[in-house]
Amino acid sequence: MSFSRINPLEIWLVKSDPSVGREYHGKRPAVVIQANWLPKSEGLYTVMLMSSYKERRWEYDILIPVSERNHLWKPTLVKVQHIHSFDRSRFLKKIGDLDSEWGEQIKAYLRSHFALS
C-alpha cells in the first residue's frame, strides 16, 4: 500500500481481521481520530470504527449522513466505543473526509470518554 499520510477526520476503509469475540470484523469504514503531531514511526493510527447497522445504535454513537465530502454510500454510525489502533497496512483506501461538525461531536465524546474537562 503506498500512500503518504493518514490525517485526522479522514474516513478510510480498514481491514479489522483477525478479530475475536464481539469485535467488529472484516472490511469497514473508520474515522481517523489520531492527531497529526503524534509519532508515525510505529505505523499505528487510531480510529473509531463505523457501521451502517443503525438498529444497534448506542445513545452516544454519531450518525453521519451521506455527503459529497465523506463519500459514504449510506448514513453510517461512528461507533464511539470502538476505538482501535491499526497498523497502516490495514488501511485499504481513503473513502472521504468527515465534515467538521461531526468532528466536533467526536472530540466532545472523547473528552467525556477519557474524563478530560
C-alpha atoms as a PDB file:
ATOM      1  CA  MET A   1       0.000   0.000   0.000  1.00  0.00           C
ATOM      2  CA  SER A   2       1.518   3.324  -0.998  1.00  0.00           C
ATOM      3  CA  PHE A   3       0.085   6.499   0.436  1.00  0.00           C
ATOM      4  CA  SER A   4       1.889   9.276   2.190  1.00  0.00           C
ATOM      5  CA  ARG A   5      -0.376  10.408   5.020  1.00  0.00           C
ATOM      6  CA  ILE A   6      -3.362   9.429   7.066  1.00  0.00           C
ATOM      7  CA  ASN A   7      -4.951  12.534   8.562  1.00  0.00           C
ATOM      8  CA  PRO A   8      -7.419  13.228  11.365  1.00  0.00           C
ATOM      9  CA  LEU A   9     -11.099  13.112  10.412  1.00  0.00           C
ATOM     10  CA  GLU A  10     -10.458  11.191   7.209  1.00  0.00           C
ATOM     11  CA  ILE A  11     -12.654   8.174   6.573  1.00  0.00           C
ATOM     12  CA  TRP A  12     -10.776   5.052   5.477  1.00  0.00           C
ATOM     13  CA  LEU A  13     -11.785   1.539   4.570  1.00  0.00           C
ATOM     14  CA  VAL A  14      -9.899  -0.656   7.043  1.00  0.00           C
ATOM     15  CA  LYS A  15      -9.450  -4.396   7.400  1.00  0.00           C
ATOM     16  CA  SER A  16     -10.017  -5.409  11.027  1.00  0.00           C
ATOM     17  CA  ASP A  17      -9.495  -9.171  10.708  1.00  0.00           C
ATOM     18  CA  PRO A  18      -8.416 -11.180  12.521  1.00  0.00           C
ATOM     19  CA  SER A  19     -10.804 -10.209  15.286  1.00  0.00           C
ATOM     20  CA  VAL A  20     -12.138 -12.041  18.322  1.00  0.00           C
ATOM     21  CA  GLY A  21     -15.322 -12.085  20.387  1.00  0.00           C
ATOM     22  CA  ARG A  22     -17.600  -9.098  19.900  1.00  0.00           C
ATOM     23  CA  GLU A  23     -15.040  -7.065  17.971  1.00  0.00           C
ATOM     24  CA  TYR A  24     -16.049  -5.864  14.528  1.00  0.00           C
ATOM     25  CA  HIS A  25     -14.581  -7.974  11.750  1.00  0.00           C
ATOM     26  CA  GLY A  26     -13.996  -7.679   8.048  1.00  0.00           C
ATOM     27  CA  LYS A  27     -13.637  -4.517   5.996  1.00  0.00           C
ATOM     28  CA  ARG A  28     -15.418  -1.425   7.226  1.00  0.00           C
ATOM     29  CA  PRO A  29     -15.149   2.348   7.234  1.00  0.00           C
ATOM     30  CA  ALA A  30     -13.362   4.050  10.106  1.00  0.00           C
ATOM     31  CA  VAL A  31     -12.777   7.688  11.010  1.00  0.00           C
ATOM     32  CA  VAL A  32      -9.218   8.636  11.974  1.00  0.00           C
ATOM     33  CA  ILE A  33      -9.087  10.298  15.400  1.00  0.00           C
ATOM     34  CA  GLN A  34      -5.316  10.428  15.899  1.00  0.00           C
ATOM     35  CA  ALA A  35      -3.690  13.862  15.859  1.00  0.00           C
ATOM     36  CA  ASN A  36      -1.068  14.655  13.217  1.00  0.00           C
ATOM     37  CA  TRP A  37       1.583  15.536  15.798  1.00  0.00           C
ATOM     38  CA  LEU A  38       1.703  12.007  17.228  1.00  0.00           C
ATOM     39  CA  PRO A  39       4.730   9.980  16.087  1.00  0.00           C
ATOM     40  CA  LYS A  40       4.128   7.855  12.998  1.00  0.00           C
ATOM     41  CA  SER A  41       7.295   5.804  13.419  1.00  0.00           C
ATOM     42  CA  GLU A  42       5.339   2.849  14.766  1.00  0.00           C
ATOM     43  CA  GLY A  43       2.956   2.982  11.797  1.00  0.00           C
ATOM     44  CA  LEU A  44      -0.126   2.834  14.031  1.00  0.00           C
ATOM     45  CA  TYR A  45      -3.182   5.037  13.530  1.00  0.00           C
ATOM     46  CA  THR A  46      -6.095   5.370  15.947  1.00  0.00           C
ATOM     47  CA  VAL A  47      -9.631   5.205  14.574  1.00  0.00           C
ATOM     48  CA  MET A  48     -13.263   4.830  15.544  1.00  0.00           C
ATOM     49  CA  LEU A  49     -14.954   2.099  13.547  1.00  0.00           C
ATOM     50  CA  MET A  50     -18.184   2.797  11.669  1.00  0.00           C
ATOM     51  CA  SER A  51     -21.277   0.709  10.981  1.00  0.00           C
ATOM     52  CA  SER A  52     -24.365   1.047   8.812  1.00  0.00           C
ATOM     53  CA  TYR A  53     -26.283  -1.218  11.218  1.00  0.00           C
ATOM     54  CA  LYS A  54     -28.333   1.546  12.867  1.00  0.00           C
ATOM     55  CA  GLU A  55     -30.619  -0.784  14.841  1.00  0.00           C
ATOM     56  CA  ARG A  56     -27.907  -1.271  17.467  1.00  0.00           C
ATOM     57  CA  ARG A  57     -27.253   2.422  17.955  1.00  0.00           C
ATOM     58  CA  TRP A  58     -25.878   3.320  21.377  1.00  0.00           C
ATOM     59  CA  GLU A  59     -27.020   6.711  22.665  1.00  0.00           C
ATOM     60  CA  TYR A  60     -23.576   8.288  22.128  1.00  0.00           C
ATOM     61  CA  ASP A  61     -22.953   6.863  18.645  1.00  0.00           C
ATOM     62  CA  ILE A  62     -22.876   9.578  15.995  1.00  0.00           C
ATOM     63  CA  LEU A  63     -24.990   9.175  12.852  1.00  0.00           C
ATOM     64  CA  ILE A  64     -23.180  10.599   9.820  1.00  0.00           C
ATOM     65  CA  PRO A  65     -25.365  11.440   6.814  1.00  0.00           C
ATOM     66  CA  VAL A  66     -24.093  10.932   3.277  1.00  0.00           C
ATOM     67  CA  SER A  67     -22.345  13.991   1.830  1.00  0.00           C
ATOM     68  CA  GLU A  68     -20.226  14.892  -1.176  1.00  0.00           C
ATOM     69  CA  ARG A  69     -17.276  15.287   1.169  1.00  0.00           C
ATOM     70  CA  ASN A  70     -17.438  11.977   3.038  1.00  0.00           C
ATOM     71  CA  HIS A  71     -18.394   9.729   0.070  1.00  0.00           C
ATOM     72  CA  LEU A  72     -20.270   7.305   2.344  1.00  0.00           C
ATOM     73  CA  TRP A  73     -22.736   5.137   0.428  1.00  0.00           C
ATOM     74  CA  LYS A  74     -25.443   5.374   3.159  1.00  0.00           C
ATOM     75  CA  PRO A  75     -25.919   7.022   6.576  1.00  0.00           C
ATOM     76  CA  THR A  76     -23.342   5.447   8.874  1.00  0.00           C
ATOM     77  CA  LEU A  77     -22.782   5.355  12.635  1.00  0.00           C
ATOM     78  CA  VAL A  78     -19.479   6.245  14.229  1.00  0.00           C
ATOM     79  CA  LYS A  79     -19.335   3.545  16.910  1.00  0.00           C
ATOM     80  CA  VAL A  80     -17.667   5.725  19.534  1.00  0.00           C
ATOM     81  CA  GLN A  81     -16.762   2.883  21.905  1.00  0.00           C
ATOM     82  CA  HIS A  82     -14.920   1.033  19.141  1.00  0.00           C
ATOM     83  CA  ILE A  83     -11.619   2.886  19.383  1.00  0.00           C
ATOM     84  CA  HIS A  84      -8.736   0.934  17.844  1.00  0.00           C
ATOM     85  CA  SER A  85      -5.183   1.475  16.697  1.00  0.00           C
ATOM     86  CA  PHE A  86      -4.323  -0.292  13.458  1.00  0.00           C
ATOM     87  CA  ASP A  87      -1.119  -0.753  11.508  1.00  0.00           C
ATOM     88  CA  ARG A  88      -1.116   1.275   8.294  1.00  0.00           C
ATOM     89  CA  SER A  89      -1.157  -1.990   6.305  1.00  0.00           C
ATOM     90  CA  ARG A  90      -4.805  -2.426   7.411  1.00  0.00           C
ATOM     91  CA  PHE A  91      -5.803   0.841   5.697  1.00  0.00           C
ATOM     92  CA  LEU A  92      -7.097  -0.187   2.269  1.00  0.00           C
ATOM     93  CA  LYS A  93      -8.243   3.110   0.736  1.00  0.00           C
ATOM     94  CA  LYS A  94      -9.398   6.575   1.660  1.00  0.00           C
ATOM     95  CA  ILE A  95     -13.164   6.993   1.325  1.00  0.00           C
ATOM     96  CA  GLY A  96     -13.535  10.698   2.138  1.00  0.00           C
ATOM     97  CA  ASP A  97     -13.366  13.362   4.822  1.00  0.00           C
ATOM     98  CA  LEU A  98     -15.607  13.890   7.817  1.00  0.00           C
ATOM     99  CA  ASP A  99     -17.312  17.278   7.987  1.00  0.00           C
ATOM    100  CA  SER A 100     -16.042  19.449  10.867  1.00  0.00           C
ATOM    101  CA  GLU A 101     -19.476  19.455  12.544  1.00  0.00           C
ATOM    102  CA  TRP A 102     -19.168  15.701  13.136  1.00  0.00           C
ATOM    103  CA  GLY A 103     -15.521  16.028  14.093  1.00  0.00           C
ATOM    104  CA  GLU A 104     -16.527  18.372  16.902  1.00  0.00           C
ATOM    105  CA  GLN A 105     -19.036  15.798  18.175  1.00  0.00           C
ATOM    106  CA  ILE A 106     -16.328  13.120  18.167  1.00  0.00           C
ATOM    107  CA  LYS A 107     -13.966  15.422  20.086  1.00  0.00           C
ATOM    108  CA  ALA A 108     -16.690  16.130  22.653  1.00  0.00           C
ATOM    109  CA  TYR A 109     -17.307  12.403  23.081  1.00  0.00           C
ATOM    110  CA  LEU A 110     -13.579  11.692  23.536  1.00  0.00           C
ATOM    111  CA  ARG A 111     -13.326  14.379  26.235  1.00  0.00           C
ATOM    112  CA  SER A 112     -16.179  12.649  28.065  1.00  0.00           C
ATOM    113  CA  HIS A 113     -14.918   9.089  27.422  1.00  0.00           C
ATOM    114  CA  PHE A 114     -11.478   9.847  28.836  1.00  0.00           C
ATOM    115  CA  ALA A 115     -12.770  12.271  31.534  1.00  0.00           C
ATOM    116  CA  LEU A 116     -10.906  15.229  30.040  1.00  0.00           C
ATOM    117  CA  SER A 117     -12.551  18.506  31.047  1.00  0.00           C
END
